[in-house]
N, C-alpha and C. Protein backbone atom coordinates (compact mmCIF):
# COMPACT_ATOMS: atom_id res chain seq x y z
N MET A 1 201.00 175.37 88.05
CA MET A 1 200.53 175.63 89.74
C MET A 1 199.65 176.43 90.03
N THR A 2 198.37 174.87 90.26
CA THR A 2 197.03 176.04 90.84
C THR A 2 196.53 175.01 91.75
N ASN A 3 195.83 175.84 92.63
CA ASN A 3 195.39 174.98 93.92
C ASN A 3 193.58 174.24 93.52
N ASP A 4 193.34 174.79 91.86
CA ASP A 4 192.26 174.28 91.69
C ASP A 4 192.39 173.76 90.07
N LEU A 5 192.64 172.23 90.15
CA LEU A 5 193.03 171.81 88.88
C LEU A 5 192.04 171.87 87.87
N VAL A 6 190.53 171.24 88.27
CA VAL A 6 189.38 172.13 87.17
C VAL A 6 189.52 172.81 86.74
N ARG A 7 189.37 174.18 87.43
CA ARG A 7 189.49 175.78 87.18
C ARG A 7 190.33 175.75 85.85
N ARG A 8 191.68 174.99 86.67
CA ARG A 8 192.35 175.59 85.53
C ARG A 8 192.51 174.77 84.08
N VAL A 9 192.28 173.96 83.60
CA VAL A 9 192.00 172.99 82.69
C VAL A 9 190.72 173.36 82.01
N SER A 10 190.19 174.32 82.90
CA SER A 10 188.76 174.76 81.87
C SER A 10 189.45 176.00 81.20
N GLU A 11 190.02 176.74 82.79
CA GLU A 11 191.11 177.90 81.73
C GLU A 11 191.80 177.82 80.45
N HIS A 12 192.58 176.20 80.35
CA HIS A 12 193.56 176.08 78.96
C HIS A 12 192.86 175.94 77.99
N ARG A 13 191.64 174.81 78.25
CA ARG A 13 190.94 174.43 77.45
C ARG A 13 189.98 175.90 76.39
N GLN A 14 189.93 177.09 77.49
CA GLN A 14 188.91 177.58 76.65
C GLN A 14 190.40 178.69 76.29
N SER A 15 191.62 178.84 76.35
CA SER A 15 192.02 179.49 75.83
C SER A 15 192.26 180.44 76.78
N ILE A 16 191.65 181.15 77.60
CA ILE A 16 191.77 182.42 78.47
C ILE A 16 193.47 182.42 79.39
N VAL A 17 194.01 181.26 78.93
CA VAL A 17 195.45 182.04 79.94
C VAL A 17 196.70 182.23 78.26
N ASP A 18 197.43 183.28 78.31
CA ASP A 18 198.75 183.31 77.69
C ASP A 18 199.48 182.33 77.99
N GLY A 19 200.15 181.54 76.94
CA GLY A 19 201.30 180.54 77.00
C GLY A 19 201.48 179.79 76.20
N PHE A 20 201.96 178.87 76.91
CA PHE A 20 202.42 177.46 75.88
C PHE A 20 201.00 176.81 75.89
N SER A 21 199.67 176.27 76.35
CA SER A 21 198.62 175.50 75.91
C SER A 21 197.93 176.55 75.06
N LYS A 22 197.79 177.91 75.36
CA LYS A 22 197.08 178.95 74.03
C LYS A 22 197.86 178.41 72.71
N THR A 23 198.97 179.06 72.91
CA THR A 23 199.60 178.66 71.36
C THR A 23 200.03 177.70 70.83
N TYR A 24 200.22 176.45 71.49
CA TYR A 24 200.02 175.11 70.58
C TYR A 24 198.66 174.30 70.62
N LYS A 25 197.85 175.07 71.58
CA LYS A 25 196.39 174.53 71.92
C LYS A 25 196.38 172.78 72.00
N THR A 26 197.11 172.66 73.24
CA THR A 26 196.88 171.73 73.93
C THR A 26 195.93 171.61 75.15
N HIS A 27 194.86 170.31 74.65
CA HIS A 27 193.72 170.64 75.28
C HIS A 27 193.70 169.66 76.37
N ARG A 28 194.20 168.73 76.91
CA ARG A 28 194.04 166.98 77.18
C ARG A 28 195.10 167.27 78.35
N LEU A 29 194.59 166.92 79.81
CA LEU A 29 194.87 166.95 80.83
C LEU A 29 195.61 165.40 80.76
N VAL A 30 196.95 165.49 80.20
CA VAL A 30 197.23 164.10 80.77
C VAL A 30 198.36 163.52 81.57
N TRP A 31 199.04 164.40 82.87
CA TRP A 31 199.70 164.02 84.01
C TRP A 31 199.70 165.36 85.06
N TYR A 32 199.44 165.13 85.80
CA TYR A 32 199.58 165.89 87.26
C TYR A 32 200.30 165.25 87.97
N GLU A 33 200.75 165.70 88.81
CA GLU A 33 201.07 165.78 90.54
C GLU A 33 200.43 166.67 91.60
N VAL A 34 200.34 165.84 92.84
CA VAL A 34 199.63 166.76 93.73
C VAL A 34 200.59 166.95 94.53
N HIS A 35 200.88 167.98 95.52
CA HIS A 35 202.20 168.30 96.63
C HIS A 35 201.21 169.20 97.91
N ASP A 36 201.75 168.62 98.62
CA ASP A 36 201.31 169.36 100.34
C ASP A 36 201.46 170.30 100.48
N ASN A 37 202.18 171.49 99.62
CA ASN A 37 202.20 173.01 100.01
C ASN A 37 202.68 173.31 98.30
N PRO A 38 202.49 174.48 98.78
CA PRO A 38 202.36 175.38 97.32
C PRO A 38 203.97 175.87 97.20
N GLU A 39 204.90 175.92 98.60
CA GLU A 39 206.54 176.24 98.17
C GLU A 39 207.28 174.98 96.84
N ALA A 40 206.39 173.62 97.62
CA ALA A 40 206.73 172.33 97.12
C ALA A 40 206.04 172.29 95.87
N ALA A 41 205.03 172.36 95.40
CA ALA A 41 204.64 172.22 94.02
C ALA A 41 205.19 173.77 92.67
N ILE A 42 205.50 174.57 93.26
CA ILE A 42 206.59 175.71 93.00
C ILE A 42 207.83 175.05 92.80
N GLN A 43 208.42 174.29 93.42
CA GLN A 43 209.88 174.10 93.01
C GLN A 43 210.21 172.55 92.23
N ARG A 44 209.45 171.72 92.17
CA ARG A 44 208.33 171.44 91.07
C ARG A 44 208.20 171.84 89.65
N GLU A 45 207.72 172.69 89.84
CA GLU A 45 207.26 173.34 88.42
C GLU A 45 208.68 173.60 87.98
N LYS A 46 209.47 174.61 88.62
CA LYS A 46 210.22 175.09 87.59
C LYS A 46 211.01 173.87 87.58
N GLN A 47 211.50 172.56 88.02
CA GLN A 47 212.36 171.73 87.58
C GLN A 47 211.74 171.08 86.88
N ILE A 48 210.43 170.78 86.37
CA ILE A 48 210.21 170.05 85.52
C ILE A 48 210.23 171.38 84.54
N LYS A 49 209.92 172.26 83.80
CA LYS A 49 209.94 173.28 83.32
C LYS A 49 211.74 173.26 82.65
N LYS A 50 212.64 172.77 83.01
CA LYS A 50 213.23 172.53 83.01
C LYS A 50 214.45 171.36 82.14
N TRP A 51 213.20 170.41 82.56
CA TRP A 51 213.77 168.70 81.62
C TRP A 51 213.31 168.98 80.09
N GLU A 52 214.50 168.25 79.06
CA GLU A 52 213.93 168.36 77.62
C GLU A 52 212.46 167.41 77.46
N ARG A 53 211.77 167.42 76.14
CA ARG A 53 210.95 166.73 75.94
C ARG A 53 210.88 165.31 76.75
N ALA A 54 211.97 164.83 75.84
CA ALA A 54 211.66 163.64 75.97
C ALA A 54 211.67 162.65 77.40
N TRP A 55 212.79 163.50 78.41
CA TRP A 55 211.82 163.29 79.62
C TRP A 55 210.49 163.39 80.12
N LYS A 56 209.47 164.36 80.00
CA LYS A 56 208.02 164.91 80.18
C LYS A 56 207.78 163.71 79.32
N THR A 57 207.68 162.89 78.04
CA THR A 57 206.88 161.94 77.80
C THR A 57 207.45 160.95 78.62
N ARG A 58 208.35 160.55 78.76
CA ARG A 58 208.53 159.33 79.61
C ARG A 58 208.03 159.03 81.01
N GLU A 59 208.11 160.55 81.62
CA GLU A 59 207.13 160.45 82.74
C GLU A 59 205.73 160.10 82.60
N ILE A 60 205.25 161.30 81.62
CA ILE A 60 203.55 160.97 81.25
C ILE A 60 203.35 159.26 81.22
N GLU A 61 204.27 158.73 80.17
CA GLU A 61 204.31 157.51 80.11
C GLU A 61 204.12 156.52 80.57
N LYS A 62 204.63 156.53 82.11
CA LYS A 62 205.01 156.02 83.39
C LYS A 62 203.43 155.46 83.68
N GLN A 63 202.94 156.84 83.71
CA GLN A 63 201.74 157.35 84.10
C GLN A 63 200.35 157.11 83.59
N ASN A 64 200.41 157.20 82.50
CA ASN A 64 199.31 157.74 81.55
C ASN A 64 199.80 157.08 79.87
N PRO A 65 200.09 155.64 79.76
CA PRO A 65 200.64 155.30 78.19
C PRO A 65 199.60 155.26 76.96
N TYR A 66 198.31 155.92 77.31
CA TYR A 66 198.16 155.81 76.11
C TYR A 66 197.25 157.72 76.13
N TRP A 67 197.44 158.63 77.08
CA TRP A 67 197.37 159.98 76.91
C TRP A 67 196.29 160.21 77.24
N LYS A 68 195.84 159.35 78.06
CA LYS A 68 193.68 159.63 78.10
C LYS A 68 194.02 161.32 78.65
N ASP A 69 193.01 161.50 78.83
CA ASP A 69 192.45 162.91 79.17
C ASP A 69 192.12 162.70 80.65
N LEU A 70 192.89 163.09 81.60
CA LEU A 70 192.91 163.18 83.09
C LEU A 70 191.71 164.19 83.61
N ALA A 71 191.44 164.48 82.40
CA ALA A 71 190.08 165.94 83.12
C ALA A 71 189.11 164.93 83.36
N GLU A 72 188.61 164.25 82.17
CA GLU A 72 187.35 163.42 82.72
C GLU A 72 186.92 162.40 83.76
N ASP A 73 188.37 162.55 84.15
CA ASP A 73 188.30 162.16 85.98
C ASP A 73 188.14 162.85 87.01
N LEU A 74 188.14 163.81 86.78
CA LEU A 74 188.64 164.97 88.05
C LEU A 74 186.84 165.63 87.95
N ASN A 75 186.16 165.49 86.66
CA ASN A 75 184.73 166.05 86.48
C ASN A 75 183.72 165.22 86.94
N GLY A 76 183.75 163.41 87.07
CA GLY A 76 183.04 162.49 87.41
C GLY A 76 182.48 161.80 86.10
């Protein structure tokens, strides 16, 4: 969860943040959601973290079937 997606993507790409993306070198933004308030975003993040990998893959491919790096669109 972040209030600045461009900054957060940059942190992940530079491996500044410990966690999944640093460990597995996942540096493409292939999916994200926007929420009206932080509480809703946190609740959704907790829900998604419980999903099986196949569920996450299906959700990504519904909106981004070619796994395009969506950060390119955020940066202009």
